[in-house]
Amino acid sequence: IVNPNQPGCDFPSKQLAGVGVAFYLLLALRAELRTQGYFTEALPAPNLADLLDLVALGTVADVVPLDTNNRILVHQGLQRIRSGKARPGVQALIDIANRKAEKLTAQDFGFALAPRLNAAGRLDDMGLGISCLLAPDLPRARMYAAELDSLNVERREIEQGMQQEAQAYLQRLSFSSEELPDALCLYQSDWHQGVIGILAGRIKEQYHRPVLVFAQGDEGELKGSARSIPGLHIRDLLDEVSTQYPGLIKKFGGHAMAAGLTIAEERFETFKLALNFVAKKYLTPELLTAVLYTDGDLSSDCLSVPFARLLQQAGPWGQAFPEPVFEGEFVIRQQRLLADKHLKLMLESSDGNLVDAIWFNADNKAWPDANVKKIRVAYQLDINDYRDQQSVQLIVRLIEKIG
């Protein structure tokens, strides 16, 4: 077994994704074959740097912490892609996602490429994603990438429908005499098993409490996907439920922030009560209060393309190495909804400079609000590249109305 987390293993990087473990195994194998004189002029040693685009994509897609070692792997993979050395499958995914290889970031891996690859496993057969990555030429890779893109569109539509149903249920619950449970358990018989993990993550972000979403599994069974909040180890919580209520959970596994489980369909309501009974011991009001930490205010002269580019170059940003979030007060000059869900703003800084901002998936019941003129914004700095014209843009994380 090759696992950096095994007892007694002195390999210093314990946070490798599976693709990283495979890469280091190949490095060790090549080194050993070299010492044995295996390689010759007719059979030269392979250049394993050719694999770094896959290693970088897999590391980000697997959402492992970007520690020093993983940041190096992702950085080197991005460098190869930006210099035009991506394999056909990766290049086809970049193209179908309307990204530019020379400007690709780690965030593009996570938000554009990985969802298309994952859509195959969620709705169809993961073999399609593998075929895309292994495609020997660009025409064939583009054919696979187009199929993956179609599946991802279908996945988004399914997810949107499920999310609307979940929101309607939670709103009915909050309007009734019942309090919203500390841990949310949601199930509908027609929900798609391949999308429940995404839905659990979305609901968790909105309500800031652990969320378990279930779908039909094998006959008489429900398959569940759990997402947790900082401070509550969800796998350990399921372990405690399983210990206190033997037989209630058929099987489970996972880690601190995510888990999967199987229960009998007829025991869903019992499980919901048991989970909340155990969770109440750990879910304090402080834990259930979402806190957004920022890196403070940013002077208006830093709201510029050069400074935003400098921040991009300080990446790759990602899990456990988050992109900086700044805050500041602005006057709203323009506000409108895009596609009925994204809030587009024109803001004025304290010294009179105008800057564009966008809040993806904003609350369209609260915004736009013509009565609000002044706001405090938590944001990330971004570069909007439109028709080869670059301008700075704020990616809004949160808005507080102040006047």
Protein backbone atom coordinates (compact mmCIF):
# COMPACT_ATOMS: atom_id res chain seq x y z
CA ILE A 1 0.00 0.00 0.00
CA VAL A 2 1.36 3.41 -0.99
CA ASN A 3 -0.13 5.99 1.36
CA PRO A 4 1.74 8.97 2.86
CA ASN A 5 -0.57 8.84 5.89
CA GLN A 6 0.37 5.31 6.91
CA PRO A 7 1.93 5.01 10.37
CA GLY A 8 5.70 5.09 10.01
CA CYS A 9 5.71 6.77 6.59
CA ASP A 10 8.19 9.66 6.68
CA PHE A 11 7.08 11.25 3.39
CA PRO A 12 6.63 14.90 4.45
CA SER A 13 3.60 15.84 2.31
CA LYS A 14 0.59 14.18 3.97
CA GLN A 15 -2.08 16.06 2.00
CA LEU A 16 -1.48 14.58 -1.45
CA ALA A 17 -4.48 13.74 -3.60
CA GLY A 18 -4.57 10.30 -5.21
CA VAL A 19 -3.17 11.78 -8.41
CA GLY A 20 -0.24 13.18 -6.41
CA VAL A 21 0.49 9.79 -4.83
CA ALA A 22 0.48 8.20 -8.30
CA PHE A 23 2.85 10.90 -9.60
CA TYR A 24 5.37 10.38 -6.80
CA LEU A 25 5.13 6.62 -7.26
CA LEU A 26 6.06 7.08 -10.93
CA LEU A 27 8.97 9.36 -9.94
CA ALA A 28 10.27 6.70 -7.55
CA LEU A 29 9.81 3.95 -10.13
CA ARG A 30 11.71 5.94 -12.77
CA ALA A 31 14.54 6.62 -10.30
CA GLU A 32 14.78 2.92 -9.44
CA LEU A 33 14.79 1.88 -13.11
CA ARG A 34 17.56 4.39 -13.75
CA THR A 35 19.73 2.86 -11.01
CA GLN A 36 19.16 -0.56 -12.58
CA GLY A 37 20.25 0.70 -16.02
CA TYR A 38 16.86 -0.01 -17.53
CA PHE A 39 16.75 3.04 -19.80
CA THR A 40 18.83 3.19 -22.98
CA GLU A 41 19.19 5.48 -25.97
CA ALA A 42 16.55 3.40 -27.72
CA LEU A 43 14.33 3.41 -24.61
CA PRO A 44 14.86 6.79 -22.89
CA ALA A 45 13.45 7.67 -19.48
CA PRO A 46 9.99 9.25 -19.76
CA ASN A 47 9.59 12.97 -19.06
CA LEU A 48 7.11 12.85 -16.19
CA ALA A 49 6.66 16.61 -16.35
CA ASP A 50 4.29 15.82 -19.24
CA LEU A 51 1.85 14.55 -16.59
CA LEU A 52 1.78 17.75 -14.55
CA ASP A 53 -1.33 19.15 -16.25
CA LEU A 54 -3.24 16.09 -15.00
CA VAL A 55 -1.61 16.25 -11.57
CA ALA A 56 -2.56 19.92 -11.16
CA LEU A 57 -6.15 19.40 -12.35
CA GLY A 58 -6.63 16.34 -10.13
CA THR A 59 -5.15 18.04 -7.07
CA VAL A 60 -7.56 20.97 -7.30
CA ALA A 61 -10.54 18.82 -8.31
CA ASP A 62 -9.99 16.57 -5.29
CA VAL A 63 -10.18 19.65 -2.99
CA VAL A 64 -7.10 18.68 -0.98
CA PRO A 65 -5.36 21.39 1.06
CA LEU A 66 -2.92 23.42 -1.01
CA ASP A 67 0.07 22.96 1.28
CA THR A 68 3.56 23.82 0.06
CA ASN A 69 3.97 20.63 -1.94
CA ASN A 70 0.53 20.66 -3.55
CA ARG A 71 0.94 24.34 -4.46
CA ILE A 72 4.16 23.47 -6.28
CA LEU A 73 2.42 20.68 -8.21
CA VAL A 74 -0.50 22.92 -9.17
CA HIS A 75 1.79 25.84 -10.07
CA GLN A 76 3.99 23.69 -12.31
CA GLY A 77 0.95 22.16 -14.01
CA LEU A 78 -0.51 25.60 -14.67
CA GLN A 79 2.82 26.79 -16.07
CA ARG A 80 2.85 23.95 -18.60
CA ILE A 81 -0.74 24.63 -19.64
CA ARG A 82 -0.12 28.37 -19.99
CA SER A 83 2.90 27.67 -22.20
CA GLY A 84 0.78 25.57 -24.59
CA LYS A 85 1.81 22.12 -23.35
CA ALA A 86 -1.58 20.83 -22.19
CA ARG A 87 -2.63 17.40 -23.45
CA PRO A 88 -5.50 17.42 -25.98
CA GLY A 89 -8.14 16.40 -23.40
CA VAL A 90 -7.26 19.20 -20.98
CA GLN A 91 -7.06 21.73 -23.84
CA ALA A 92 -10.50 20.63 -25.10
CA LEU A 93 -12.00 21.15 -21.64
CA ILE A 94 -10.41 24.60 -21.44
CA ASP A 95 -11.89 25.49 -24.84
CA ILE A 96 -15.42 24.20 -24.12
CA ALA A 97 -15.40 26.16 -20.84
CA ASN A 98 -14.51 29.37 -22.75
CA ARG A 99 -11.25 29.82 -20.88
CA LYS A 100 -7.86 30.80 -22.27
CA ALA A 101 -5.01 28.39 -21.61
CA GLU A 102 -2.45 31.19 -21.32
CA LYS A 103 -4.49 32.80 -18.50
CA LEU A 104 -5.73 29.68 -16.71
CA THR A 105 -5.89 29.72 -12.90
CA ALA A 106 -6.41 27.10 -10.21
CA GLN A 107 -9.95 28.47 -9.78
CA ASP A 108 -10.64 27.53 -13.41
CA PHE A 109 -9.73 23.93 -12.56
CA GLY A 110 -12.20 23.93 -9.68
CA PHE A 111 -15.10 25.86 -11.21
CA ALA A 112 -14.87 25.14 -14.95
CA LEU A 113 -12.94 21.96 -15.79
CA ALA A 114 -13.60 19.68 -12.81
CA PRO A 115 -17.42 20.08 -12.86
CA ARG A 116 -17.49 18.95 -16.50
CA LEU A 117 -15.36 15.90 -15.74
CA ASN A 118 -17.41 15.08 -12.64
CA ALA A 119 -20.70 15.41 -14.52
CA ALA A 120 -19.91 12.16 -16.34
CA GLY A 121 -19.62 10.20 -13.10
CA ARG A 122 -22.67 11.88 -11.61
CA LEU A 123 -25.08 11.29 -14.50
CA ASP A 124 -23.53 8.73 -16.83
CA ASP A 125 -20.21 6.89 -16.89
CA MET A 126 -16.92 8.29 -15.58
CA GLY A 127 -15.27 6.50 -18.51
CA LEU A 128 -16.28 9.44 -20.69
CA GLY A 129 -14.13 11.82 -18.64
CA ILE A 130 -11.21 9.39 -18.75
CA SER A 131 -11.59 9.03 -22.52
CA CYS A 132 -11.44 12.81 -22.85
CA LEU A 133 -8.25 13.10 -20.78
CA LEU A 134 -6.59 10.24 -22.67
CA ALA A 135 -7.69 11.35 -26.16
CA PRO A 136 -4.70 11.18 -28.55
CA ASP A 137 -5.68 14.25 -30.59
CA LEU A 138 -7.66 17.47 -30.26
CA PRO A 139 -10.58 16.59 -32.62
CA ARG A 140 -11.38 13.46 -30.62
CA ALA A 141 -10.87 15.26 -27.31
CA ARG A 142 -13.28 18.01 -28.41
CA MET A 143 -15.93 15.41 -29.20
CA TYR A 144 -15.66 14.00 -25.66
CA ALA A 145 -15.51 17.49 -24.13
CA ALA A 146 -18.74 18.46 -25.92
CA GLU A 147 -20.47 15.41 -24.43
CA LEU A 148 -19.15 16.29 -20.98
CA ASP A 149 -20.36 19.87 -21.40
CA SER A 150 -23.87 18.65 -22.30
CA LEU A 151 -23.91 16.41 -19.23
CA ASN A 152 -22.81 19.34 -17.08
CA VAL A 153 -25.68 21.48 -18.41
CA GLU A 154 -28.07 18.63 -17.58
CA ARG A 155 -26.49 18.30 -14.13
CA ARG A 156 -27.02 22.02 -13.46
CA GLU A 157 -30.68 21.79 -14.50
CA ILE A 158 -31.27 18.79 -12.23
CA GLU A 159 -29.46 20.51 -9.37
CA GLN A 160 -31.47 23.71 -9.83
CA GLY A 161 -34.76 21.81 -9.67
CA MET A 162 -33.68 19.90 -6.57
CA GLN A 163 -32.47 23.10 -4.91
CA GLN A 164 -35.80 24.84 -5.53
CA GLU A 165 -37.66 21.91 -3.95
CA ALA A 166 -35.30 21.87 -0.96
CA GLN A 167 -35.64 25.64 -0.50
CA ALA A 168 -39.44 25.43 -0.63
CA TYR A 169 -39.42 22.76 2.08
CA LEU A 170 -37.04 24.72 4.32
CA GLN A 171 -39.05 27.92 3.91
CA ARG A 172 -42.24 26.08 4.88
CA LEU A 173 -40.39 24.75 7.91
CA SER A 174 -39.13 28.17 8.99
CA PHE A 175 -42.58 29.74 8.53
CA SER A 176 -44.20 27.04 10.66
CA SER A 177 -43.96 26.82 14.43
CA GLU A 178 -40.99 24.47 14.11
CA GLU A 179 -37.48 25.79 14.47
CA LEU A 180 -35.00 24.96 11.76
CA PRO A 181 -33.16 21.82 12.96
CA ASP A 182 -29.49 22.12 13.89
CA ALA A 183 -28.69 19.45 11.30
CA LEU A 184 -30.76 19.41 8.12
CA CYS A 185 -31.88 16.07 6.63
CA LEU A 186 -33.56 16.30 3.23
CA TYR A 187 -35.04 13.61 0.98
CA GLN A 188 -37.31 13.32 -2.02
CA SER A 189 -37.90 10.11 -3.90
CA ASP A 190 -37.18 11.62 -7.34
CA TRP A 191 -33.89 13.31 -6.45
CA HIS A 192 -30.85 12.22 -8.46
CA GLN A 193 -28.22 10.33 -6.52
CA GLY A 194 -25.40 11.87 -8.55
CA VAL A 195 -26.28 15.43 -7.52
CA ILE A 196 -27.08 15.11 -3.79
CA GLY A 197 -23.53 15.99 -2.72
CA ILE A 198 -23.61 19.26 -4.64
CA LEU A 199 -27.04 20.09 -3.23
CA ALA A 200 -25.87 19.35 0.33
CA GLY A 201 -22.95 21.74 -0.17
CA ARG A 202 -25.19 24.51 -1.52
CA ILE A 203 -27.70 24.23 1.34
CA LYS A 204 -24.88 24.10 3.89
CA GLU A 205 -23.42 27.33 2.51
CA GLN A 206 -26.78 29.09 2.71
CA TYR A 207 -27.93 27.93 6.17
CA HIS A 208 -24.53 27.32 7.80
CA ARG A 209 -25.36 24.03 9.44
CA PRO A 210 -24.57 20.40 8.64
CA VAL A 211 -26.71 19.07 5.79
CA LEU A 212 -27.50 15.50 4.75
CA VAL A 213 -29.31 14.96 1.45
CA PHE A 214 -30.73 11.56 0.49
CA ALA A 215 -31.83 9.92 -2.76
CA GLN A 216 -33.14 6.48 -3.68
CA GLY A 217 -30.47 3.78 -3.59
CA ASP A 218 -30.89 0.03 -3.95
CA GLU A 219 -34.30 -1.42 -3.20
CA GLY A 220 -35.53 -0.16 0.17
CA GLU A 221 -32.38 1.90 0.78
CA LEU A 222 -31.48 5.58 0.76
CA LYS A 223 -28.03 6.85 -0.20
CA GLY A 224 -27.01 10.02 1.61
CA SER A 225 -24.36 12.67 1.14
CA ALA A 226 -23.35 14.88 4.08
CA ARG A 227 -21.56 18.24 4.23
CA SER A 228 -20.49 19.86 7.48
CA ILE A 229 -19.38 23.20 8.90
CA PRO A 230 -16.05 23.98 10.61
CA GLY A 231 -16.00 22.62 14.15
CA LEU A 232 -18.21 19.57 13.56
CA HIS A 233 -16.51 16.38 12.30
CA ILE A 234 -19.31 14.81 10.28
CA ARG A 235 -17.82 11.31 10.02
CA ASP A 236 -17.28 11.18 13.78
CA LEU A 237 -20.85 12.39 14.31
CA LEU A 238 -22.19 9.55 12.13
CA ASP A 239 -19.98 7.13 14.05
CA GLU A 240 -21.56 8.28 17.32
CA VAL A 241 -25.08 7.96 15.88
CA SER A 242 -24.22 4.46 14.67
CA THR A 243 -22.88 3.51 18.12
CA GLN A 244 -25.86 4.89 20.04
CA TYR A 245 -28.43 3.49 17.60
CA PRO A 246 -27.08 0.14 16.34
CA GLY A 247 -28.34 -0.84 12.90
CA LEU A 248 -29.75 2.59 12.09
CA ILE A 249 -26.94 3.35 9.63
CA LYS A 250 -26.12 0.44 7.32
CA LYS A 251 -22.74 1.85 6.26
CA PHE A 252 -20.91 5.16 6.23
CA GLY A 253 -17.54 6.73 5.56
CA GLY A 254 -15.92 10.10 5.06
CA HIS A 255 -13.92 12.78 6.82
CA ALA A 256 -14.40 16.00 8.80
CA MET A 257 -16.31 18.01 6.21
CA ALA A 258 -17.99 15.40 3.99
CA ALA A 259 -19.35 11.88 4.29
CA GLY A 260 -21.54 9.32 2.56
CA LEU A 261 -23.96 6.86 4.15
CA THR A 262 -26.70 4.32 3.52
CA ILE A 263 -29.86 3.86 5.61
CA ALA A 264 -33.13 1.95 5.23
CA GLU A 265 -35.79 4.10 3.57
CA GLU A 266 -38.34 3.25 6.26
CA ARG A 267 -36.01 4.58 8.96
CA PHE A 268 -35.42 8.05 7.48
CA GLU A 269 -37.54 9.90 10.07
CA THR A 270 -35.94 7.92 12.92
CA PHE A 271 -32.49 8.74 11.57
CA LYS A 272 -33.36 12.44 11.33
CA LEU A 273 -34.36 12.54 15.01
CA ALA A 274 -31.34 10.51 16.12
CA LEU A 275 -28.92 12.68 14.17
CA ASN A 276 -30.24 15.90 15.69
CA PHE A 277 -30.30 14.41 19.18
CA VAL A 278 -26.58 13.59 18.94
CA ALA A 279 -25.66 16.76 17.02
CA LYS A 280 -27.21 19.04 19.67
CA LYS A 281 -24.36 18.15 22.03
CA TYR A 282 -21.83 19.73 19.69
CA LEU A 283 -23.65 22.43 17.71
CA THR A 284 -23.37 25.53 19.88
CA PRO A 285 -24.90 28.87 18.79
CA GLU A 286 -21.36 30.04 18.03
CA LEU A 287 -20.75 27.13 15.65
CA LEU A 288 -24.06 27.78 13.89
CA THR A 289 -23.18 31.43 13.31
CA ALA A 290 -21.43 32.00 10.00
CA VAL A 291 -18.37 34.22 10.21
CA LEU A 292 -16.67 35.73 7.18
CA TYR A 293 -13.07 36.72 7.86
CA THR A 294 -11.47 39.38 5.67
CA ASP A 295 -7.97 40.69 5.11
CA GLY A 296 -9.19 44.19 5.90
CA ASP A 297 -9.68 47.33 3.86
CA LEU A 298 -7.90 47.97 0.58
CA SER A 299 -6.91 51.47 -0.48
CA SER A 300 -8.68 52.59 -3.64
CA ASP A 301 -5.42 52.85 -5.62
CA CYS A 302 -5.15 49.06 -5.25
CA LEU A 303 -8.45 48.62 -7.11
CA SER A 304 -6.44 48.29 -10.30
CA VAL A 305 -5.55 45.69 -12.91
CA PRO A 306 -1.81 45.65 -11.98
CA PHE A 307 -2.58 44.95 -8.32
CA ALA A 308 -5.19 42.31 -9.21
CA ARG A 309 -2.64 40.66 -11.51
CA LEU A 310 -0.09 40.69 -8.69
CA LEU A 311 -2.58 38.83 -6.48
CA GLN A 312 -3.19 36.25 -9.22
CA GLN A 313 0.56 35.68 -9.53
CA ALA A 314 0.76 35.04 -5.78
CA GLY A 315 -1.44 31.95 -6.30
CA PRO A 316 -2.38 29.25 -6.87
CA TRP A 317 -5.18 29.83 -4.37
CA GLY A 318 -7.47 27.09 -3.17
CA GLN A 319 -8.41 24.80 -0.31
CA ALA A 320 -6.63 25.80 2.94
CA PHE A 321 -4.82 28.56 1.01
CA PRO A 322 -7.74 30.89 0.24
CA GLU A 323 -7.65 33.89 -2.02
CA PRO A 324 -7.62 37.16 -0.02
CA VAL A 325 -10.99 38.69 0.83
CA PHE A 326 -11.08 42.45 1.34
CA GLU A 327 -13.77 44.78 2.64
CA GLY A 328 -14.74 48.38 2.11
CA GLU A 329 -17.54 50.95 1.98
CA PHE A 330 -18.94 52.02 -1.39
CA VAL A 331 -21.77 54.08 -2.84
CA ILE A 332 -24.04 52.27 -5.30
CA ARG A 333 -24.25 54.07 -8.64
CA GLN A 334 -25.99 51.31 -10.62
CA GLN A 335 -27.54 47.94 -9.75
CA ARG A 336 -29.36 45.34 -11.85
CA LEU A 337 -29.97 41.61 -12.00
CA LEU A 338 -28.42 39.40 -14.67
CA ALA A 339 -30.28 36.19 -15.57
CA ASP A 340 -32.55 36.86 -12.58
CA LYS A 341 -29.87 35.71 -10.11
CA HIS A 342 -26.58 37.63 -10.44
CA LEU A 343 -26.38 41.18 -9.07
CA LYS A 344 -24.34 43.53 -11.26
CA LEU A 345 -23.18 46.75 -9.56
CA MET A 346 -21.35 49.93 -10.39
CA LEU A 347 -19.74 51.17 -7.17
CA GLU A 348 -18.00 54.39 -6.20
CA SER A 349 -15.08 54.26 -3.77
CA SER A 350 -14.34 56.88 -1.12
CA ASP A 351 -12.13 58.91 -3.49
CA GLY A 352 -14.71 58.92 -6.30
CA ASN A 353 -13.32 56.10 -8.46
CA LEU A 354 -15.87 53.82 -10.13
CA VAL A 355 -15.47 50.04 -10.08
CA ASP A 356 -17.59 47.17 -11.41
CA ALA A 357 -18.78 44.45 -9.04
CA ILE A 358 -20.78 41.27 -9.42
CA TRP A 359 -22.47 39.08 -6.82
CA PHE A 360 -23.12 35.61 -8.20
CA ASN A 361 -26.30 33.89 -7.03
CA ALA A 362 -27.44 36.91 -5.04
CA ASP A 363 -30.71 36.96 -3.12
CA ASN A 364 -33.05 38.17 -5.87
CA LYS A 365 -35.78 38.88 -3.30
CA ALA A 366 -33.58 41.42 -1.51
CA TRP A 367 -31.77 42.85 -4.55
CA PRO A 368 -31.83 45.17 -6.42
CA ASP A 369 -32.88 47.60 -3.69
CA ALA A 370 -33.34 51.19 -4.88
CA ASN A 371 -33.60 52.39 -1.26
CA VAL A 372 -30.01 51.39 -0.49
CA LYS A 373 -27.31 53.86 -1.50
CA LYS A 374 -24.36 52.92 0.69
CA ILE A 375 -23.02 49.43 1.40
CA ARG A 376 -20.16 47.62 3.06
CA VAL A 377 -18.81 44.90 0.79
CA ALA A 378 -16.64 41.84 1.37
CA TYR A 379 -15.04 41.03 -1.97
CA GLN A 380 -12.28 39.37 -3.94
CA LEU A 381 -10.35 41.26 -6.58
CA ASP A 382 -10.68 39.96 -10.14
CA ILE A 383 -9.74 40.95 -13.68
CA ASN A 384 -12.58 41.08 -16.19
CA ASP A 385 -11.21 40.23 -19.64
CA TYR A 386 -13.79 41.27 -22.24
CA ARG A 387 -12.89 41.53 -25.93
CA ASP A 388 -9.22 41.78 -24.95
CA GLN A 389 -9.98 44.80 -22.74
CA GLN A 390 -9.03 44.27 -19.10
CA SER A 391 -10.68 46.01 -16.17
CA VAL A 392 -10.77 45.37 -12.44
CA GLN A 393 -13.91 43.77 -11.01
CA LEU A 394 -14.99 42.97 -7.46
CA ILE A 395 -16.37 39.48 -6.87
CA VAL A 396 -18.81 40.08 -4.03
CA ARG A 397 -18.89 37.62 -1.14
CA LEU A 398 -21.25 39.56 1.13
CA ILE A 399 -23.05 42.92 1.25
CA GLU A 400 -24.12 44.82 4.36
CA LYS A 401 -26.61 47.67 3.87
CA ILE A 402 -25.51 50.77 5.77
CA GLY A 403 -27.43 53.66 4.24
